[in-house]
């Protein structure tokens, strides 16, 4: 269930991101710079930076852009100071939503996030109002067609490296880890030259809700698009079951 929904979320974002590469690179650059500023510029000793780089590469961000973002975070280049702020609330139909941001102006970002919730039938809540409905897990998605190993060999590799769970679907493989084990599992996959579709420590919903009303679903998807379009928003987590891509039109 969660694996299927994770793949659907990736597909939902991908078409939009392909058309706005510059915006995605800007978001990834901020994420990398903050990670480098907080924990140093060496990804081998900075798990947060390693995760940010993995996410950037999954979005096809060029290596030059990644290196520039690391230098900016390390203070070698000029750049703004960003802070992490997490917002929680409810989308239409009572869907739990967590919005993670990186901002240099918390008043602007708070106003934007509130507006997007309100505009699409949701409401911004207080800190902690929905976070208890999610677990933090490392998640790595691999396209079966791009994987040089067969399913059994990949599962053995992942579990030996410390993964908690391995699932197979029609889209590919989903590997789940505890946050502390994520870096080691990702390194084992990278060392085996296996490309990833997505690699991050994410908030995974404990249960999921389906929006059966077409109008509510349309508003919820519009809300996700508006968050994606906002430069300050890094990630959005929710417990809605999104339809397959063909059903969204």
C-alpha atoms as a PDB file:
ATOM      1  CA  UNK A   1       0.000   0.000   0.000  1.00  0.00           C
ATOM      2  CA  UNK A   2       2.537   2.575   1.130  1.00  0.00           C
ATOM      3  CA  UNK A   3       4.988   1.424  -1.516  1.00  0.00           C
ATOM      4  CA  UNK A   4       2.403   1.810  -4.241  1.00  0.00           C
ATOM      5  CA  UNK A   5       1.474   5.266  -3.008  1.00  0.00           C
ATOM      6  CA  UNK A   6       5.143   6.287  -2.783  1.00  0.00           C
ATOM      7  CA  UNK A   7       5.657   5.436  -6.450  1.00  0.00           C
ATOM      8  CA  UNK A   8       2.456   7.301  -7.382  1.00  0.00           C
ATOM      9  CA  UNK A   9       3.670  10.392  -5.515  1.00  0.00           C
ATOM     10  CA  UNK A  10       6.946  10.263  -7.421  1.00  0.00           C
ATOM     11  CA  UNK A  11       5.098   9.971 -10.744  1.00  0.00           C
ATOM     12  CA  UNK A  12       2.805  12.852  -9.821  1.00  0.00           C
ATOM     13  CA  UNK A  13       5.794  15.124  -9.168  1.00  0.00           C
ATOM     14  CA  UNK A  14       7.953  13.958 -12.049  1.00  0.00           C
ATOM     15  CA  UNK A  15       5.959  15.355 -14.960  1.00  0.00           C
ATOM     16  CA  UNK A  16       5.822  18.743 -13.310  1.00  0.00           C
ATOM     17  CA  UNK A  17       9.478  18.724 -12.316  1.00  0.00           C
ATOM     18  CA  UNK A  18      10.638  17.794 -15.803  1.00  0.00           C
ATOM     19  CA  UNK A  19       9.186  21.085 -17.029  1.00  0.00           C
ATOM     20  CA  UNK A  20      10.735  23.243 -14.276  1.00  0.00           C
ATOM     21  CA  UNK A  21      14.251  21.885 -13.847  1.00  0.00           C
ATOM     22  CA  UNK A  22      15.626  25.275 -12.799  1.00  0.00           C
ATOM     23  CA  UNK A  23      13.184  25.563  -9.899  1.00  0.00           C
ATOM     24  CA  UNK A  24      13.940  22.016  -8.746  1.00  0.00           C
ATOM     25  CA  UNK A  25      17.682  22.655  -8.895  1.00  0.00           C
ATOM     26  CA  UNK A  26      17.217  25.804  -6.807  1.00  0.00           C
ATOM     27  CA  UNK A  27      15.365  23.831  -4.126  1.00  0.00           C
ATOM     28  CA  UNK A  28      17.945  21.042  -4.143  1.00  0.00           C
ATOM     29  CA  UNK A  29      20.763  23.591  -3.990  1.00  0.00           C
ATOM     30  CA  UNK A  30      19.292  25.170  -0.859  1.00  0.00           C
ATOM     31  CA  UNK A  31      18.902  21.749   0.750  1.00  0.00           C
ATOM     32  CA  UNK A  32      22.523  20.815   0.024  1.00  0.00           C
ATOM     33  CA  UNK A  33      23.872  24.195   1.165  1.00  0.00           C
ATOM     34  CA  UNK A  34      22.075  24.002   4.511  1.00  0.00           C
ATOM     35  CA  UNK A  35      23.241  20.424   5.077  1.00  0.00           C
ATOM     36  CA  UNK A  36      26.844  21.422   4.307  1.00  0.00           C
ATOM     37  CA  UNK A  37      26.633  24.473   6.565  1.00  0.00           C
ATOM     38  CA  UNK A  38      25.280  22.454   9.502  1.00  0.00           C
ATOM     39  CA  UNK A  39      27.445  19.330   9.234  1.00  0.00           C
ATOM     40  CA  UNK A  40      30.425  20.051   7.005  1.00  0.00           C
ATOM     41  CA  UNK A  41      31.147  19.599   3.312  1.00  0.00           C
ATOM     42  CA  UNK A  42      32.212  15.934   3.401  1.00  0.00           C
ATOM     43  CA  UNK A  43      29.250  13.627   2.624  1.00  0.00           C
ATOM     44  CA  UNK A  44      31.146  10.631   4.021  1.00  0.00           C
ATOM     45  CA  UNK A  45      30.919  12.165   7.498  1.00  0.00           C
ATOM     46  CA  UNK A  46      27.716  14.172   7.017  1.00  0.00           C
ATOM     47  CA  UNK A  47      24.714  11.862   6.592  1.00  0.00           C
ATOM     48  CA  UNK A  48      22.329  14.764   6.007  1.00  0.00           C
ATOM     49  CA  UNK A  49      24.504  16.066   3.171  1.00  0.00           C
ATOM     50  CA  UNK A  50      24.791  12.577   1.682  1.00  0.00           C
ATOM     51  CA  UNK A  51      21.003  12.282   1.694  1.00  0.00           C
ATOM     52  CA  UNK A  52      20.603  15.731   0.105  1.00  0.00           C
ATOM     53  CA  UNK A  53      23.071  14.842  -2.662  1.00  0.00           C
ATOM     54  CA  UNK A  54      21.256  11.554  -3.307  1.00  0.00           C
ATOM     55  CA  UNK A  55      17.967  13.418  -3.634  1.00  0.00           C
ATOM     56  CA  UNK A  56      19.549  15.957  -5.993  1.00  0.00           C
ATOM     57  CA  UNK A  57      21.010  13.214  -8.191  1.00  0.00           C
ATOM     58  CA  UNK A  58      17.631  11.455  -8.300  1.00  0.00           C
ATOM     59  CA  UNK A  59      16.324  14.738  -9.751  1.00  0.00           C
ATOM     60  CA  UNK A  60      19.148  14.721 -12.345  1.00  0.00           C
ATOM     61  CA  UNK A  61      20.867  17.774 -10.873  1.00  0.00           C
ATOM     62  CA  UNK A  62      24.270  18.273 -12.581  1.00  0.00           C
ATOM     63  CA  UNK A  63      27.391  17.601 -10.515  1.00  0.00           C
ATOM     64  CA  UNK A  64      28.612  21.174 -11.059  1.00  0.00           C
ATOM     65  CA  UNK A  65      25.442  22.509  -9.419  1.00  0.00           C
ATOM     66  CA  UNK A  66      25.866  20.097  -6.515  1.00  0.00           C
ATOM     67  CA  UNK A  67      29.500  21.108  -5.934  1.00  0.00           C
ATOM     68  CA  UNK A  68      28.570  24.801  -6.079  1.00  0.00           C
ATOM     69  CA  UNK A  69      25.828  24.296  -3.487  1.00  0.00           C
ATOM     70  CA  UNK A  70      28.252  22.467  -1.176  1.00  0.00           C
ATOM     71  CA  UNK A  71      30.774  25.310  -1.457  1.00  0.00           C
ATOM     72  CA  UNK A  72      28.056  27.869  -0.776  1.00  0.00           C
ATOM     73  CA  UNK A  73      27.013  26.016   2.364  1.00  0.00           C
ATOM     74  CA  UNK A  74      30.607  25.673   3.505  1.00  0.00           C
ATOM     75  CA  UNK A  75      31.060  29.435   3.227  1.00  0.00           C
ATOM     76  CA  UNK A  76      33.335  29.368   0.189  1.00  0.00           C
ATOM     77  CA  UNK A  77      30.736  31.255  -1.855  1.00  0.00           C
ATOM     78  CA  UNK A  78      28.241  33.927  -0.867  1.00  0.00           C
ATOM     79  CA  UNK A  79      24.660  32.960  -0.122  1.00  0.00           C
ATOM     80  CA  UNK A  80      21.663  33.564   2.077  1.00  0.00           C
ATOM     81  CA  UNK A  81      21.063  31.956   5.447  1.00  0.00           C
ATOM     82  CA  UNK A  82      18.140  29.561   5.421  1.00  0.00           C
ATOM     83  CA  UNK A  83      16.295  27.899   8.287  1.00  0.00           C
ATOM     84  CA  UNK A  84      14.209  24.738   8.364  1.00  0.00           C
ATOM     85  CA  UNK A  85      10.579  25.297   9.330  1.00  0.00           C
ATOM     86  CA  UNK A  86       7.967  22.525   9.315  1.00  0.00           C
ATOM     87  CA  UNK A  87       4.245  23.240   9.037  1.00  0.00           C
ATOM     88  CA  UNK A  88       1.412  20.828   9.758  1.00  0.00           C
ATOM     89  CA  UNK A  89      -2.223  20.948   8.751  1.00  0.00           C
ATOM     90  CA  UNK A  90      -5.132  19.299   7.031  1.00  0.00           C
ATOM     91  CA  UNK A  91      -5.990  19.145   3.367  1.00  0.00           C
ATOM     92  CA  UNK A  92      -9.541  18.901   2.097  1.00  0.00           C
ATOM     93  CA  UNK A  93     -11.340  15.820   3.401  1.00  0.00           C
ATOM     94  CA  UNK A  94      -9.221  15.769   6.560  1.00  0.00           C
ATOM     95  CA  UNK A  95      -6.042  14.580   4.829  1.00  0.00           C
ATOM     96  CA  UNK A  96      -3.006  14.957   7.114  1.00  0.00           C
ATOM     97  CA  UNK A  97      -0.297  17.141   5.537  1.00  0.00           C
ATOM     98  CA  UNK A  98       3.260  18.017   6.602  1.00  0.00           C
ATOM     99  CA  UNK A  99       5.100  20.771   4.706  1.00  0.00           C
ATOM    100  CA  UNK A 100       8.873  21.081   5.143  1.00  0.00           C
ATOM    101  CA  UNK A 101      10.443  24.373   4.090  1.00  0.00           C
ATOM    102  CA  UNK A 102      13.795  26.120   3.836  1.00  0.00           C
ATOM    103  CA  UNK A 103      13.374  29.862   4.044  1.00  0.00           C
ATOM    104  CA  UNK A 104      15.224  33.126   4.558  1.00  0.00           C
ATOM    105  CA  UNK A 105      11.951  34.885   5.455  1.00  0.00           C
ATOM    106  CA  UNK A 106       9.705  32.981   7.844  1.00  0.00           C
ATOM    107  CA  UNK A 107       6.875  35.543   7.650  1.00  0.00           C
ATOM    108  CA  UNK A 108       6.657  35.234   3.882  1.00  0.00           C
ATOM    109  CA  UNK A 109       6.761  31.449   3.988  1.00  0.00           C
ATOM    110  CA  UNK A 110       4.170  31.159   6.773  1.00  0.00           C
ATOM    111  CA  UNK A 111       1.821  33.400   4.800  1.00  0.00           C
ATOM    112  CA  UNK A 112       2.326  31.423   1.601  1.00  0.00           C
ATOM    113  CA  UNK A 113       1.756  28.060   3.303  1.00  0.00           C
ATOM    114  CA  UNK A 114      -1.404  29.283   5.053  1.00  0.00           C
ATOM    115  CA  UNK A 115      -2.736  30.712   1.783  1.00  0.00           C
ATOM    116  CA  UNK A 116      -2.176  27.439  -0.094  1.00  0.00           C
ATOM    117  CA  UNK A 117      -3.981  25.449   2.598  1.00  0.00           C
ATOM    118  CA  UNK A 118      -6.912  27.899   2.707  1.00  0.00           C
ATOM    119  CA  UNK A 119      -7.156  28.251  -1.081  1.00  0.00           C
ATOM    120  CA  UNK A 120      -7.694  24.520  -1.509  1.00  0.00           C
ATOM    121  CA  UNK A 121     -10.140  23.687   1.255  1.00  0.00           C
ATOM    122  CA  UNK A 122      -7.596  22.854   3.945  1.00  0.00           C
ATOM    123  CA  UNK A 123      -6.298  24.604   7.023  1.00  0.00           C
ATOM    124  CA  UNK A 124      -2.940  25.186   8.670  1.00  0.00           C
ATOM    125  CA  UNK A 125      -2.757  23.552  12.096  1.00  0.00           C
ATOM    126  CA  UNK A 126      -0.517  23.773  15.129  1.00  0.00           C
ATOM    127  CA  UNK A 127       2.853  22.061  15.494  1.00  0.00           C
ATOM    128  CA  UNK A 128       2.361  18.372  16.245  1.00  0.00           C
ATOM    129  CA  UNK A 129      -1.238  18.192  15.073  1.00  0.00           C
ATOM    130  CA  UNK A 130      -0.562  15.485  12.460  1.00  0.00           C
ATOM    131  CA  UNK A 131       3.096  14.455  12.824  1.00  0.00           C
ATOM    132  CA  UNK A 132       2.132  11.632  15.193  1.00  0.00           C
ATOM    133  CA  UNK A 133       0.368   9.973  12.239  1.00  0.00           C
ATOM    134  CA  UNK A 134       3.705   9.511  10.417  1.00  0.00           C
ATOM    135  CA  UNK A 135       6.854   7.459  11.014  1.00  0.00           C
ATOM    136  CA  UNK A 136      10.278   8.596   9.807  1.00  0.00           C
ATOM    137  CA  UNK A 137      11.834   6.003   7.518  1.00  0.00           C
ATOM    138  CA  UNK A 138      14.610   5.829   4.986  1.00  0.00           C
ATOM    139  CA  UNK A 139      13.076   4.968   1.618  1.00  0.00           C
ATOM    140  CA  UNK A 140      14.947   4.028  -1.546  1.00  0.00           C
ATOM    141  CA  UNK A 141      13.122   3.376  -4.818  1.00  0.00           C
ATOM    142  CA  UNK A 142      14.804   1.470  -7.658  1.00  0.00           C
ATOM    143  CA  UNK A 143      13.433   0.927 -11.154  1.00  0.00           C
ATOM    144  CA  UNK A 144      13.606  -2.798 -11.944  1.00  0.00           C
ATOM    145  CA  UNK A 145      14.592  -2.086 -15.547  1.00  0.00           C
ATOM    146  CA  UNK A 146      17.619  -0.041 -14.444  1.00  0.00           C
ATOM    147  CA  UNK A 147      18.830  -2.492 -11.807  1.00  0.00           C
ATOM    148  CA  UNK A 148      21.790  -4.722 -12.810  1.00  0.00           C
ATOM    149  CA  UNK A 149      20.885  -7.243 -10.087  1.00  0.00           C
ATOM    150  CA  UNK A 150      17.916  -9.586 -10.010  1.00  0.00           C
ATOM    151  CA  UNK A 151      15.323  -9.249  -7.261  1.00  0.00           C
ATOM    152  CA  UNK A 152      16.831 -11.855  -4.920  1.00  0.00           C
ATOM    153  CA  UNK A 153      20.354 -10.442  -5.187  1.00  0.00           C
ATOM    154  CA  UNK A 154      19.164  -6.873  -4.597  1.00  0.00           C
ATOM    155  CA  UNK A 155      17.090  -7.926  -1.582  1.00  0.00           C
ATOM    156  CA  UNK A 156      20.069  -9.775  -0.090  1.00  0.00           C
ATOM    157  CA  UNK A 157      22.323  -6.759  -0.652  1.00  0.00           C
ATOM    158  CA  UNK A 158      19.852  -4.379   0.987  1.00  0.00           C
ATOM    159  CA  UNK A 159      19.058  -6.561   3.988  1.00  0.00           C
ATOM    160  CA  UNK A 160      22.726  -7.350   4.615  1.00  0.00           C
ATOM    161  CA  UNK A 161      23.449  -3.603   4.628  1.00  0.00           C
ATOM    162  CA  UNK A 162      20.824  -3.021   7.315  1.00  0.00           C
ATOM    163  CA  UNK A 163      17.497  -2.508   5.509  1.00  0.00           C
ATOM    164  CA  UNK A 164      14.300  -3.270   7.439  1.00  0.00           C
ATOM    165  CA  UNK A 165      12.063  -4.177   4.537  1.00  0.00           C
ATOM    166  CA  UNK A 166      12.115  -4.920   0.808  1.00  0.00           C
ATOM    167  CA  UNK A 167       9.002  -4.715  -1.384  1.00  0.00           C
ATOM    168  CA  UNK A 168       8.441  -5.419  -5.064  1.00  0.00           C
ATOM    169  CA  UNK A 169       5.739  -3.835  -7.222  1.00  0.00           C
ATOM    170  CA  UNK A 170       5.045  -3.361 -10.909  1.00  0.00           C
ATOM    171  CA  UNK A 171       7.051  -0.118 -10.737  1.00  0.00           C
ATOM    172  CA  UNK A 172      10.179  -1.584  -9.164  1.00  0.00           C
ATOM    173  CA  UNK A 173      11.658  -2.111  -5.712  1.00  0.00           C
ATOM    174  CA  UNK A 174      11.173  -0.172  -2.485  1.00  0.00           C
ATOM    175  CA  UNK A 175      13.742  -0.534   0.275  1.00  0.00           C
ATOM    176  CA  UNK A 176      12.877   0.746   3.753  1.00  0.00           C
ATOM    177  CA  UNK A 177      15.357   1.465   6.553  1.00  0.00           C
ATOM    178  CA  UNK A 178      15.525   3.046   9.963  1.00  0.00           C
ATOM    179  CA  UNK A 179      16.859   6.630   9.636  1.00  0.00           C
ATOM    180  CA  UNK A 180      20.153   5.655  11.325  1.00  0.00           C
ATOM    181  CA  UNK A 181      20.748   2.850   8.794  1.00  0.00           C
ATOM    182  CA  UNK A 182      19.821   4.837   5.668  1.00  0.00           C
ATOM    183  CA  UNK A 183      23.329   6.055   4.789  1.00  0.00           C
ATOM    184  CA  UNK A 184      24.863   2.565   5.042  1.00  0.00           C
ATOM    185  CA  UNK A 185      22.169   0.972   2.879  1.00  0.00           C
ATOM    186  CA  UNK A 186      22.385   3.742   0.284  1.00  0.00           C
ATOM    187  CA  UNK A 187      26.182   3.392   0.164  1.00  0.00           C
ATOM    188  CA  UNK A 188      25.885  -0.359  -0.473  1.00  0.00           C
ATOM    189  CA  UNK A 189      23.506   0.332  -3.355  1.00  0.00           C
ATOM    190  CA  UNK A 190      25.739   3.048  -4.800  1.00  0.00           C
ATOM    191  CA  UNK A 191      28.829   0.827  -4.478  1.00  0.00           C
ATOM    192  CA  UNK A 192      26.987  -1.790  -6.563  1.00  0.00           C
ATOM    193  CA  UNK A 193      26.380   0.882  -9.255  1.00  0.00           C
ATOM    194  CA  UNK A 194      22.615   0.633  -8.888  1.00  0.00           C
ATOM    195  CA  UNK A 195      20.781   3.858  -9.883  1.00  0.00           C
ATOM    196  CA  UNK A 196      17.950   5.067  -7.665  1.00  0.00           C
ATOM    197  CA  UNK A 197      14.703   6.779  -8.591  1.00  0.00           C
ATOM    198  CA  UNK A 198      14.418   8.321  -5.135  1.00  0.00           C
ATOM    199  CA  UNK A 199      16.484   8.123  -1.945  1.00  0.00           C
ATOM    200  CA  UNK A 200      15.556  10.030   1.186  1.00  0.00           C
ATOM    201  CA  UNK A 201      14.628   9.868   4.831  1.00  0.00           C
ATOM    202  CA  UNK A 202      10.915  10.568   4.568  1.00  0.00           C
ATOM    203  CA  UNK A 203       7.798  10.737   6.710  1.00  0.00           C
ATOM    204  CA  UNK A 204       5.705   7.660   5.947  1.00  0.00           C
ATOM    205  CA  UNK A 205       2.004   7.660   6.931  1.00  0.00           C
ATOM    206  CA  UNK A 206       0.877   4.940   9.318  1.00  0.00           C
ATOM    207  CA  UNK A 207      -2.512   4.759   7.576  1.00  0.00           C
ATOM    208  CA  UNK A 208      -3.808   6.199   4.310  1.00  0.00           C
ATOM    209  CA  UNK A 209      -7.077   7.844   3.282  1.00  0.00           C
ATOM    210  CA  UNK A 210      -8.760   7.810  -0.116  1.00  0.00           C
ATOM    211  CA  UNK A 211     -10.519  10.887  -1.476  1.00  0.00           C
ATOM    212  CA  UNK A 212     -13.519   9.415  -3.297  1.00  0.00           C
ATOM    213  CA  UNK A 213     -15.080  12.771  -4.222  1.00  0.00           C
ATOM    214  CA  UNK A 214     -13.623  13.910  -7.602  1.00  0.00           C
ATOM    215  CA  UNK A 215     -13.889  17.595  -6.671  1.00  0.00           C
ATOM    216  CA  UNK A 216     -12.029  17.040  -3.400  1.00  0.00           C
ATOM    217  CA  UNK A 217      -9.335  15.067  -5.196  1.00  0.00           C
ATOM    218  CA  UNK A 218      -8.943  17.837  -7.762  1.00  0.00           C
ATOM    219  CA  UNK A 219      -8.515  20.447  -5.019  1.00  0.00           C
ATOM    220  CA  UNK A 220      -6.034  18.293  -3.147  1.00  0.00           C
ATOM    221  CA  UNK A 221      -3.898  17.737  -6.258  1.00  0.00           C
ATOM    222  CA  UNK A 222      -4.045  21.484  -6.938  1.00  0.00           C
ATOM    223  CA  UNK A 223      -2.774  22.097  -3.411  1.00  0.00           C
ATOM    224  CA  UNK A 224       0.169  19.733  -4.000  1.00  0.00           C
ATOM    225  CA  UNK A 225       0.978  21.548  -7.252  1.00  0.00           C
ATOM    226  CA  UNK A 226       0.931  24.924  -5.507  1.00  0.00           C
ATOM    227  CA  UNK A 227       3.294  23.658  -2.821  1.00  0.00           C
ATOM    228  CA  UNK A 228       5.604  22.255  -5.531  1.00  0.00           C
ATOM    229  CA  UNK A 229       5.596  25.663  -7.227  1.00  0.00           C
ATOM    230  CA  UNK A 230       6.664  27.481  -4.053  1.00  0.00           C
ATOM    231  CA  UNK A 231      10.416  28.089  -3.896  1.00  0.00           C
ATOM    232  CA  UNK A 232      10.535  27.752  -0.103  1.00  0.00           C
ATOM    233  CA  UNK A 233       8.810  24.346   0.052  1.00  0.00           C
ATOM    234  CA  UNK A 234      11.186  21.393   0.028  1.00  0.00           C
ATOM    235  CA  UNK A 235       8.929  18.407   0.727  1.00  0.00           C
ATOM    236  CA  UNK A 236       5.266  17.671   1.303  1.00  0.00           C
ATOM    237  CA  UNK A 237       4.130  14.507   3.067  1.00  0.00           C
ATOM    238  CA  UNK A 238       0.504  13.388   3.308  1.00  0.00           C
ATOM    239  CA  UNK A 239      -1.623  10.316   3.936  1.00  0.00           C
ATOM    240  CA  UNK A 240      -3.833  10.527   0.842  1.00  0.00           C
ATOM    241  CA  UNK A 241      -3.981   7.665  -1.632  1.00  0.00           C
ATOM    242  CA  UNK A 242      -3.306   9.276  -4.995  1.00  0.00           C
ATOM    243  CA  UNK A 243      -4.765   7.735  -8.165  1.00  0.00           C
ATOM    244  CA  UNK A 244      -2.619   6.308 -10.917  1.00  0.00           C
ATOM    245  CA  UNK A 245      -1.315   8.926 -13.360  1.00  0.00           C
ATOM    246  CA  UNK A 246      -3.875   8.036 -16.026  1.00  0.00           C
ATOM    247  CA  UNK A 247      -6.700   8.680 -13.578  1.00  0.00           C
ATOM    248  CA  UNK A 248      -5.598  12.192 -12.686  1.00  0.00           C
ATOM    249  CA  UNK A 249      -6.645  13.849 -15.892  1.00  0.00           C
END
